[in-house]
């Protein structure tokens, strides 16, 4: 388990929600690992509740101080995702304990601008489409960090490889709706 609480985000907006702060904290942590990373899953827990209910774990994660500077949500990285398993199939197997108030995931993907959609050859299977996109001259490598809370709140951060700077990270609740839906489904009983 790894908590990102000891990573100081490089400037979320002053009025940022706890979920936005958590997404940017995870984005910064993953950014420090470099590109070409596997997908990673994080549990989001209420920091104050963690301190009270699991003081040993809070101390292990570096959250045993006075709490005045701690984020409201603590991201805790989960075990590595199983190799060769499709992301949607893997997420369908997740069930979170009540102590987990949300979850987040980072994934890297190749994307094309909307202007390239008209040039996609018809009849390609997923593997062929992936190869075609990888060779397209207008492709963009992106890292997406998406988080959801049990109450339905969502947030995303998107970082382009060619603009790999904390100042160029885009945030918004609806940037990656498909992944947000899949993560939200992990909280359905």
Protein backbone atom coordinates (compact mmCIF):
# COMPACT_ATOMS: atom_id res chain seq x y z
CA UNK A 1 0.00 0.00 0.00
CA UNK A 2 1.17 3.47 -0.78
CA UNK A 3 -0.36 6.70 0.34
CA UNK A 4 0.21 9.83 -1.65
CA UNK A 5 -0.28 12.10 1.34
CA UNK A 6 3.41 12.83 1.56
CA UNK A 7 3.40 14.08 -2.05
CA UNK A 8 2.53 17.75 -2.09
CA UNK A 9 0.37 18.68 -5.05
CA UNK A 10 1.92 21.49 -7.05
CA UNK A 11 -0.91 23.89 -6.69
CA UNK A 12 -4.50 22.75 -6.92
CA UNK A 13 -6.87 25.71 -7.06
CA UNK A 14 -7.50 27.30 -3.67
CA UNK A 15 -11.20 26.36 -3.77
CA UNK A 16 -10.58 22.84 -5.12
CA UNK A 17 -12.83 20.12 -3.76
CA UNK A 18 -11.27 17.27 -1.77
CA UNK A 19 -11.84 15.01 -4.78
CA UNK A 20 -10.01 17.41 -7.13
CA UNK A 21 -7.12 17.59 -4.66
CA UNK A 22 -6.98 13.76 -4.52
CA UNK A 23 -7.02 13.45 -8.33
CA UNK A 24 -4.21 15.99 -8.69
CA UNK A 25 -2.24 14.29 -5.91
CA UNK A 26 -2.49 10.95 -7.71
CA UNK A 27 -1.62 12.59 -11.05
CA UNK A 28 1.50 14.13 -9.53
CA UNK A 29 2.53 10.85 -7.91
CA UNK A 30 2.16 8.92 -11.18
CA UNK A 31 3.90 11.71 -13.08
CA UNK A 32 6.92 11.17 -10.83
CA UNK A 33 7.07 7.55 -12.01
CA UNK A 34 7.32 8.59 -15.66
CA UNK A 35 5.37 7.47 -18.68
CA UNK A 36 4.57 4.00 -19.98
CA UNK A 37 3.07 2.91 -16.66
CA UNK A 38 0.45 0.20 -16.22
CA UNK A 39 -3.06 1.13 -15.09
CA UNK A 40 -3.19 1.71 -11.34
CA UNK A 41 -6.11 1.55 -8.93
CA UNK A 42 -6.48 3.56 -5.72
CA UNK A 43 -8.90 3.38 -2.82
CA UNK A 44 -9.92 6.78 -1.45
CA UNK A 45 -10.48 6.92 2.29
CA UNK A 46 -11.56 9.69 4.64
CA UNK A 47 -8.32 10.82 6.26
CA UNK A 48 -9.84 11.84 9.61
CA UNK A 49 -11.75 8.56 9.88
CA UNK A 50 -8.61 6.60 9.01
CA UNK A 51 -6.68 8.31 11.83
CA UNK A 52 -9.36 7.38 14.37
CA UNK A 53 -10.22 3.85 13.20
CA UNK A 54 -6.80 2.67 12.01
CA UNK A 55 -4.11 4.67 13.86
CA UNK A 56 -1.40 2.11 13.05
CA UNK A 57 -2.12 2.26 9.34
CA UNK A 58 -2.37 6.06 9.49
CA UNK A 59 1.08 6.17 11.10
CA UNK A 60 2.46 3.79 8.47
CA UNK A 61 1.10 6.12 5.77
CA UNK A 62 2.59 9.20 7.44
CA UNK A 63 -0.80 10.56 8.53
CA UNK A 64 -0.23 10.56 12.29
CA UNK A 65 0.59 14.28 12.60
CA UNK A 66 -1.80 16.96 13.79
CA UNK A 67 -3.80 16.77 10.59
CA UNK A 68 -3.99 20.49 9.92
CA UNK A 69 -2.24 20.12 6.53
CA UNK A 70 -3.57 16.69 5.57
CA UNK A 71 -5.91 16.31 2.63
CA UNK A 72 -9.49 15.26 3.39
CA UNK A 73 -9.10 12.14 1.22
CA UNK A 74 -6.16 9.77 1.31
CA UNK A 75 -5.44 7.77 -1.86
CA UNK A 76 -4.11 4.28 -1.15
CA UNK A 77 -2.66 2.39 -4.09
CA UNK A 78 -4.02 -1.13 -4.51
CA UNK A 79 -2.27 -4.25 -5.72
CA UNK A 80 -1.16 -4.38 -9.33
CA UNK A 81 -3.87 -5.14 -11.84
CA UNK A 82 -3.70 -8.66 -13.26
CA UNK A 83 -1.81 -8.75 -16.55
CA UNK A 84 -3.81 -9.61 -19.62
CA UNK A 85 -7.19 -8.83 -18.06
CA UNK A 86 -9.35 -6.26 -19.81
CA UNK A 87 -9.93 -3.20 -17.64
CA UNK A 88 -13.73 -3.47 -17.73
CA UNK A 89 -13.58 -7.16 -16.78
CA UNK A 90 -11.23 -6.40 -13.89
CA UNK A 91 -13.36 -3.54 -12.56
CA UNK A 92 -16.42 -5.77 -12.63
CA UNK A 93 -14.73 -7.94 -9.98
CA UNK A 94 -14.12 -5.10 -7.49
CA UNK A 95 -16.11 -4.74 -4.28
CA UNK A 96 -15.03 -2.09 -1.79
CA UNK A 97 -15.40 -2.26 2.00
CA UNK A 98 -17.51 0.45 3.66
CA UNK A 99 -14.41 2.34 4.82
CA UNK A 100 -13.58 3.18 1.20
CA UNK A 101 -15.44 6.37 0.25
CA UNK A 102 -14.24 6.45 -3.34
CA UNK A 103 -11.76 5.09 -5.82
CA UNK A 104 -9.50 6.34 -8.58
CA UNK A 105 -7.66 4.88 -11.52
CA UNK A 106 -4.90 6.06 -13.81
CA UNK A 107 -4.56 4.78 -17.35
CA UNK A 108 -2.46 5.79 -20.32
CA UNK A 109 -3.99 5.77 -23.77
CA UNK A 110 -3.43 6.96 -27.32
CA UNK A 111 -6.05 9.39 -28.53
CA UNK A 112 -6.84 11.05 -31.81
CA UNK A 113 -8.29 14.51 -32.33
CA UNK A 114 -11.93 14.60 -33.48
CA UNK A 115 -10.73 15.68 -36.94
CA UNK A 116 -9.14 12.24 -37.42
CA UNK A 117 -12.36 10.29 -36.79
CA UNK A 118 -13.47 10.51 -40.42
CA UNK A 119 -10.30 8.77 -41.57
CA UNK A 120 -10.71 5.65 -39.39
CA UNK A 121 -10.98 2.62 -41.68
CA UNK A 122 -14.21 0.67 -41.32
CA UNK A 123 -14.34 -2.92 -40.13
CA UNK A 124 -11.30 -2.89 -37.84
CA UNK A 125 -11.40 -5.07 -34.75
CA UNK A 126 -10.08 -3.63 -31.45
CA UNK A 127 -6.55 -4.91 -32.00
CA UNK A 128 -6.39 -3.55 -35.55
CA UNK A 129 -7.82 -0.20 -34.45
CA UNK A 130 -5.22 0.07 -31.68
CA UNK A 131 -2.42 -0.55 -34.18
CA UNK A 132 -3.90 1.95 -36.64
CA UNK A 133 -4.15 4.66 -33.96
CA UNK A 134 -0.58 3.95 -32.79
CA UNK A 135 0.69 4.71 -36.30
CA UNK A 136 -1.47 7.79 -36.90
CA UNK A 137 0.63 11.00 -37.17
CA UNK A 138 -1.88 13.03 -35.09
CA UNK A 139 -2.06 10.63 -32.14
CA UNK A 140 -1.59 12.00 -28.64
CA UNK A 141 -0.41 10.04 -25.64
CA UNK A 142 -2.47 10.89 -22.58
CA UNK A 143 -2.59 9.86 -18.95
CA UNK A 144 -6.04 9.98 -17.41
CA UNK A 145 -6.70 9.95 -13.69
CA UNK A 146 -10.36 9.46 -12.85
CA UNK A 147 -11.91 9.37 -9.38
CA UNK A 148 -15.44 8.77 -8.12
CA UNK A 149 -17.01 8.88 -4.70
CA UNK A 150 -19.81 6.69 -3.38
CA UNK A 151 -22.09 9.75 -3.41
CA UNK A 152 -21.67 10.09 -7.19
CA UNK A 153 -19.12 12.93 -7.28
CA UNK A 154 -16.57 12.59 -10.08
CA UNK A 155 -13.33 14.25 -11.09
CA UNK A 156 -10.71 13.68 -13.76
CA UNK A 157 -7.25 14.92 -14.64
CA UNK A 158 -5.83 14.52 -18.13
CA UNK A 159 -2.15 15.05 -18.93
CA UNK A 160 -0.73 15.04 -22.46
CA UNK A 161 2.71 13.52 -22.85
CA UNK A 162 3.80 16.35 -25.13
CA UNK A 163 2.77 18.90 -22.46
CA UNK A 164 3.98 17.01 -19.41
CA UNK A 165 3.70 19.80 -16.86
CA UNK A 166 1.50 20.21 -13.77
CA UNK A 167 0.40 23.56 -15.22
CA UNK A 168 -1.01 21.83 -18.32
CA UNK A 169 -3.13 19.19 -16.56
CA UNK A 170 -6.79 19.52 -17.50
CA UNK A 171 -9.36 18.80 -14.81
CA UNK A 172 -13.10 18.33 -14.95
CA UNK A 173 -15.84 16.00 -13.84
CA UNK A 174 -16.84 14.84 -17.32
CA UNK A 175 -13.54 14.43 -19.15
CA UNK A 176 -13.50 10.60 -19.11
CA UNK A 177 -17.13 9.53 -18.64
CA UNK A 178 -16.70 5.86 -19.61
CA UNK A 179 -14.02 5.18 -17.01
CA UNK A 180 -15.94 7.20 -14.41
CA UNK A 181 -19.02 5.02 -15.05
CA UNK A 182 -16.95 1.84 -14.71
CA UNK A 183 -15.43 3.04 -11.44
CA UNK A 184 -18.82 4.11 -10.08
CA UNK A 185 -20.15 0.62 -10.85
CA UNK A 186 -17.62 -0.82 -8.35
CA UNK A 187 -19.76 0.69 -5.57
CA UNK A 188 -23.03 -0.85 -6.71
CA UNK A 189 -24.14 -3.80 -4.62
